[in-house]
Protein backbone atom coordinates (compact mmCIF):
# COMPACT_ATOMS: atom_id res chain seq x y z
CA MET A 1 321.60 -1.09 -187.12
CA VAL A 2 319.73 0.83 -190.22
CA ILE A 3 321.95 2.06 -193.04
CA TYR A 4 321.52 3.77 -196.07
CA PHE A 5 322.31 1.87 -199.30
CA ASN A 6 321.79 3.01 -202.64
CA GLY A 7 318.95 5.13 -201.85
CA ARG A 8 317.09 2.83 -199.46
CA LEU A 9 317.08 2.60 -195.83
CA VAL A 10 317.74 -1.22 -194.86
CA SER A 11 318.97 -3.18 -192.09
CA ALA A 12 322.73 -3.64 -192.15
CA GLY A 13 322.18 -7.67 -192.30
CA ASN A 14 320.16 -7.18 -195.49
CA CYS A 15 322.82 -5.10 -197.32
CA ILE A 16 324.61 -6.96 -200.04
CA VAL A 17 327.37 -5.42 -201.82
CA SER A 18 328.13 -7.10 -205.02
CA PRO A 19 331.32 -9.09 -205.70
CA LEU A 20 331.92 -6.94 -208.83
CA ASP A 21 331.82 -3.71 -207.00
CA HIS A 22 335.22 -2.01 -207.68
CA GLY A 23 335.45 -0.88 -204.01
CA PHE A 24 335.31 -4.43 -203.05
CA LEU A 25 337.68 -5.47 -205.63
CA TYR A 26 340.22 -2.72 -206.09
CA GLY A 27 339.59 -0.40 -202.87
CA HIS A 28 338.34 2.13 -205.67
CA GLY A 29 336.42 4.34 -203.26
CA LEU A 30 336.19 7.38 -200.88
CA PHE A 31 334.92 7.97 -197.59
CA GLU A 32 334.31 10.75 -194.97
CA THR A 33 334.06 9.90 -191.20
CA MET A 34 332.19 12.78 -189.39
CA ARG A 35 330.82 13.37 -185.79
CA ALA A 36 327.34 14.31 -184.85
CA TYR A 37 326.78 16.61 -181.96
CA ARG A 38 322.74 16.62 -180.88
CA GLY A 39 321.73 15.09 -183.99
CA ARG A 40 323.72 17.50 -186.26
CA VAL A 41 326.84 16.83 -188.12
CA PHE A 42 329.70 19.46 -187.40
CA ARG A 43 331.17 20.92 -190.58
CA LEU A 44 329.01 18.62 -192.96
CA GLU A 45 329.55 21.05 -195.91
CA GLU A 46 333.19 20.76 -195.58
CA HIS A 47 333.54 16.97 -195.56
CA LEU A 48 331.01 16.64 -198.57
CA LYS A 49 333.12 19.50 -200.43
CA ARG A 50 336.26 17.36 -199.69
CA LEU A 51 334.44 14.04 -200.99
CA THR A 52 333.23 15.78 -204.18
CA GLU A 53 336.75 17.43 -205.03
CA ALA A 54 338.31 13.81 -204.54
CA ALA A 55 335.63 12.17 -206.95
CA GLU A 56 336.29 14.91 -209.60
CA TYR A 57 340.12 14.20 -209.06
CA LEU A 58 339.52 10.43 -209.72
CA CYS A 59 337.42 11.48 -212.77
CA TRP A 60 334.27 10.05 -211.59
CA PRO A 61 331.51 10.71 -213.93
CA GLU A 62 329.15 11.86 -211.08
CA ILE A 63 328.21 11.29 -207.42
CA PRO A 64 325.06 11.93 -205.68
CA GLY A 65 324.74 15.77 -204.53
CA GLN A 66 325.22 17.32 -201.31
CA ALA A 67 321.67 17.58 -200.69
CA GLU A 68 320.91 13.95 -201.16
CA LEU A 69 323.85 12.91 -199.07
CA SER A 70 322.83 15.38 -196.26
CA GLU A 71 319.45 13.91 -196.21
CA ALA A 72 320.85 10.25 -196.27
CA ILE A 73 322.99 11.24 -193.29
CA ASN A 74 320.28 12.80 -191.26
CA SER A 75 317.96 9.87 -192.06
CA VAL A 76 320.57 7.31 -190.65
CA LEU A 77 320.95 9.44 -187.28
CA LEU A 78 317.01 9.54 -187.02
CA GLN A 79 316.26 5.93 -187.97
CA ASN A 80 319.07 4.75 -185.24
CA HIS A 81 317.99 7.27 -182.57
CA LEU A 82 321.43 8.78 -182.42
CA GLN A 83 322.25 12.14 -181.24
CA ASP A 84 325.99 12.21 -180.45
CA ALA A 85 327.31 9.77 -182.91
CA SER A 86 330.06 8.75 -185.45
CA ILE A 87 328.82 8.79 -189.10
CA ARG A 88 330.72 7.03 -191.95
CA LEU A 89 329.96 7.90 -195.72
CA THR A 90 331.28 5.67 -198.21
CA LEU A 91 331.32 6.06 -202.01
CA SER A 92 332.54 3.20 -204.18
CA ARG A 93 333.19 3.51 -208.07
CA GLY A 94 330.31 0.82 -208.31
CA ILE A 95 329.64 -2.55 -210.10
CA GLY A 96 331.84 -2.97 -213.22
CA ALA A 97 333.84 -5.61 -215.06
CA ALA A 98 336.24 -8.08 -213.09
CA ARG A 99 339.07 -6.00 -214.30
CA PRO A 100 340.72 -2.84 -213.35
CA ASP A 101 338.88 -0.66 -215.66
CA PRO A 102 336.69 2.10 -213.94
CA THR A 103 335.13 3.11 -217.15
CA SER A 104 333.11 -0.30 -216.99
CA CYS A 105 331.34 0.70 -213.89
CA GLY A 106 327.87 2.13 -213.50
CA GLN A 107 326.48 4.52 -210.70
CA PRO A 108 328.54 4.62 -207.72
CA THR A 109 327.70 2.72 -204.64
CA VAL A 110 326.71 4.74 -201.49
CA VAL A 111 326.41 3.53 -197.96
CA VAL A 112 325.86 5.73 -194.83
CA TYR A 113 325.98 4.12 -191.30
CA ALA A 114 326.08 5.66 -187.84
CA SER A 115 327.27 4.42 -184.55
CA PRO A 116 327.46 5.69 -180.87
CA LEU A 117 330.85 7.24 -180.12
CA PRO A 118 333.75 5.27 -178.85
CA GLN A 119 334.74 5.31 -175.37
CA PRO A 120 336.32 8.46 -173.98
CA LEU A 121 339.93 8.82 -174.28
CA PRO A 122 342.28 8.20 -171.41
CA PRO A 123 342.39 11.56 -169.40
CA GLU A 124 346.41 11.30 -169.41
CA GLY A 125 346.43 11.37 -173.21
CA TRP A 126 347.99 9.02 -175.79
CA CYS A 127 351.38 7.28 -176.50
CA VAL A 128 352.54 7.50 -180.30
CA ALA A 129 355.20 5.93 -181.85
CA THR A 130 357.13 6.72 -185.21
CA VAL A 131 356.58 3.77 -187.62
CA LYS A 132 358.75 2.65 -190.55
CA LEU A 133 356.02 2.72 -193.21
CA ARG A 134 356.25 6.28 -195.16
CA ARG A 135 353.82 8.37 -196.87
CA ASN A 136 354.56 8.32 -200.48
CA LEU A 137 354.78 12.04 -201.61
CA SER A 138 354.62 10.99 -205.30
CA SER A 139 351.21 9.20 -204.72
CA PRO A 140 348.05 11.16 -205.61
CA LEU A 141 346.33 9.22 -202.78
CA VAL A 142 347.92 11.02 -200.17
CA ARG A 143 345.52 14.04 -200.42
CA ILE A 144 342.42 11.93 -200.97
CA LYS A 145 340.36 9.89 -198.43
CA SER A 146 340.51 6.88 -200.30
CA ALA A 147 338.90 3.61 -199.20
CA ASN A 148 342.42 1.94 -200.14
CA TYR A 149 343.42 2.21 -196.38
CA LEU A 150 346.16 -0.59 -196.15
CA ASP A 151 348.91 1.95 -195.37
CA ASN A 152 347.13 3.36 -192.47
CA MET A 153 346.01 -0.12 -191.11
CA LEU A 154 349.78 -1.59 -191.30
CA ALA A 155 350.99 1.82 -189.61
CA LYS A 156 348.61 1.57 -186.90
CA ALA A 157 349.42 -2.34 -186.32
CA GLU A 158 353.08 -1.29 -186.10
CA ALA A 159 352.42 1.19 -183.54
CA LYS A 160 350.31 -1.31 -181.30
CA CYS A 161 353.62 -3.45 -181.31
CA HIS A 162 355.11 -0.49 -179.57
CA ASN A 163 352.28 -0.21 -177.13
CA ALA A 164 351.26 3.13 -178.71
CA GLN A 165 347.78 4.06 -179.55
CA GLU A 166 348.57 6.07 -182.77
CA ALA A 167 351.37 5.58 -185.41
CA ILE A 168 353.35 8.82 -186.57
CA MET A 169 354.30 8.49 -190.16
CA LEU A 170 357.18 10.27 -191.91
CA ASN A 171 356.98 11.02 -195.52
CA THR A 172 359.48 9.81 -198.22
CA ASP A 173 361.75 12.91 -197.79
CA GLY A 174 362.11 12.02 -193.91
CA PHE A 175 359.84 14.79 -192.52
CA VAL A 176 356.79 14.33 -190.44
CA ALA A 177 353.53 13.64 -192.12
CA GLU A 178 350.72 12.79 -189.89
CA GLY A 179 349.07 10.01 -187.97
CA SER A 180 347.49 6.93 -189.77
CA MET A 181 344.00 8.34 -188.42
CA SER A 182 344.86 11.80 -187.44
CA ASN A 183 346.84 14.98 -188.13
CA ILE A 184 349.54 16.19 -185.61
CA PHE A 185 350.41 19.45 -184.06
CA PHE A 186 353.10 20.24 -181.51
CA VAL A 187 353.92 23.28 -179.55
CA THR A 188 357.31 24.91 -179.12
CA GLY A 189 357.86 28.17 -177.28
CA GLY A 190 354.17 29.10 -177.29
CA ARG A 191 354.18 28.61 -181.19
CA LEU A 192 351.98 26.05 -182.77
CA ILE A 193 353.28 24.19 -185.65
CA THR A 194 351.92 21.47 -188.01
CA PRO A 195 353.29 19.91 -191.16
CA ASP A 196 352.15 21.69 -194.31
CA ASP A 197 349.70 20.50 -197.10
CA ASP A 198 352.94 19.41 -199.24
CA SER A 199 354.31 17.05 -196.36
CA GLY A 200 352.13 14.21 -197.51
CA ILE A 201 349.10 14.85 -195.38
CA LEU A 202 345.46 14.47 -195.81
CA PRO A 203 344.30 17.92 -194.60
CA GLY A 204 341.74 17.15 -192.22
CA VAL A 205 338.64 19.08 -191.21
CA THR A 206 339.39 19.08 -187.53
CA ARG A 207 342.86 20.25 -188.40
CA ARG A 208 341.53 23.41 -190.30
CA VAL A 209 339.15 24.23 -187.39
CA THR A 210 342.26 23.87 -184.95
CA ILE A 211 344.33 26.33 -187.16
CA GLU A 212 341.47 28.76 -187.27
CA LEU A 213 340.91 28.70 -183.63
CA ALA A 214 344.49 29.09 -182.63
CA GLN A 215 344.82 32.11 -185.09
CA ALA A 216 341.52 33.74 -183.83
CA THR A 217 343.13 33.65 -180.24
CA GLY A 218 346.39 34.87 -180.86
CA ILE A 219 348.58 31.87 -180.94
CA PRO A 220 351.24 32.02 -183.59
CA VAL A 221 350.85 29.18 -186.14
CA GLU A 222 353.23 27.65 -188.46
CA MET A 223 352.63 25.16 -191.19
CA ARG A 224 355.80 24.03 -192.69
CA GLN A 225 358.03 20.80 -193.09
CA VAL A 226 358.72 19.30 -189.58
CA THR A 227 361.75 17.10 -188.59
CA PRO A 228 361.19 14.25 -186.07
CA GLY A 229 363.57 15.77 -183.68
CA GLU A 230 361.43 18.84 -183.24
CA LEU A 231 358.70 16.61 -182.10
CA ALA A 232 360.94 14.82 -179.50
CA GLY A 233 361.93 18.24 -178.18
CA ALA A 234 358.26 19.79 -178.19
CA ASP A 235 356.55 21.45 -174.97
CA GLU A 236 353.12 19.85 -176.15
CA ILE A 237 351.97 17.51 -178.90
CA PHE A 238 348.32 16.69 -179.81
CA LEU A 239 346.48 14.88 -182.52
CA THR A 240 343.11 16.05 -184.36
CA SER A 241 340.56 13.81 -185.86
CA SER A 242 336.75 14.47 -186.32
CA ILE A 243 335.69 11.87 -184.01
CA MET A 244 338.32 11.99 -181.20
CA GLU A 245 338.45 15.82 -181.72
CA ILE A 246 341.98 17.04 -180.02
CA ILE A 247 343.83 14.32 -178.47
CA PRO A 248 346.95 15.13 -176.10
CA VAL A 249 350.01 13.13 -176.59
CA THR A 250 351.86 12.44 -173.41
CA VAL A 251 354.50 9.93 -174.75
CA PHE A 252 356.35 10.30 -178.00
CA ASP A 253 358.63 7.32 -178.96
CA GLY A 254 358.68 6.24 -175.51
CA ASN A 255 359.63 9.31 -173.91
CA PRO A 256 357.27 11.85 -172.12
CA ILE A 257 356.33 15.08 -173.50
CA GLY A 258 356.25 18.12 -171.52
CA ALA A 259 356.42 18.64 -167.83
CA THR A 260 353.69 16.45 -166.68
CA LEU A 261 351.35 13.55 -168.11
CA ALA A 262 348.41 15.88 -168.91
CA ALA A 263 347.38 18.04 -171.64
CA GLY A 264 349.59 21.21 -171.72
CA THR A 265 348.30 24.83 -171.77
CA ILE A 266 347.73 25.47 -175.41
CA THR A 267 346.29 22.19 -176.01
CA ALA A 268 343.69 22.20 -173.14
CA LYS A 269 342.60 25.71 -174.29
CA LEU A 270 342.22 24.49 -177.88
CA GLN A 271 340.42 21.45 -176.62
CA ALA A 272 337.91 23.62 -174.85
CA LEU A 273 337.48 26.09 -177.78
CA TYR A 274 336.91 23.12 -180.18
CA ARG A 275 334.24 21.53 -178.23
CA GLU A 276 332.58 25.04 -177.73
CA ILE A 277 332.38 25.95 -181.31
CA ALA A 278 331.27 22.15 -182.11
CA GLU A 279 328.61 22.62 -179.55
CA LYS A 280 327.61 26.08 -180.89
CA GLU A 281 327.41 25.26 -184.80
């Protein structure tokens, strides 16, 4: 595998991250996961905009510009001969003192790698489970795609103990937030509902596209606080992520969702529309 590392294309085996890198020491880093279709990244500008805004929020002095990062991503895709792929862009605060002082760091560490897409999802959809770990509404990390990902990993591990493919996390007020690696939507009475930006979510790029598609086709959309009981009684549930696109949920906390173990009508419609716009753009 060829990766981009601090301005150079190198073999992954020859990439060495300093033990004094603050991403390694303290999880002080940011990342974006993106999907390429026929060699081009879908909504690349939106991913890079979110990354830039997060770096500004963390008061990083500077990061590489969008043109440089775009070129790095395209180079990695070309060098690895990948057309349909998953891309991970990681920025660390960089090398600094062995203490939690980001002002001691120099330039950010920049890494880009790409890999083939994971295996297709089971056609019958995913099982999800509500986990005990909660999204902390008072934490500034809630709205940042931070390299400090332990909460998400612990939530995912808890879900696996319940034989579920994804964890559903509530926030510290008891309302639904999101999945460990996805945003969540549900359908009730023909209305599409998703937790709002104040519910402790990372506003995903795929989530935004899904909302735009639903609104453009006349599906009523609500963004608001959601109770766990609403999910249990939903007609349809689905998840969104850049790599997996729109993922039907057929079992929630051990109980089937909808009349059949298949994607619901609105879920299937949005799946088709999403794939259409991704292929077109």
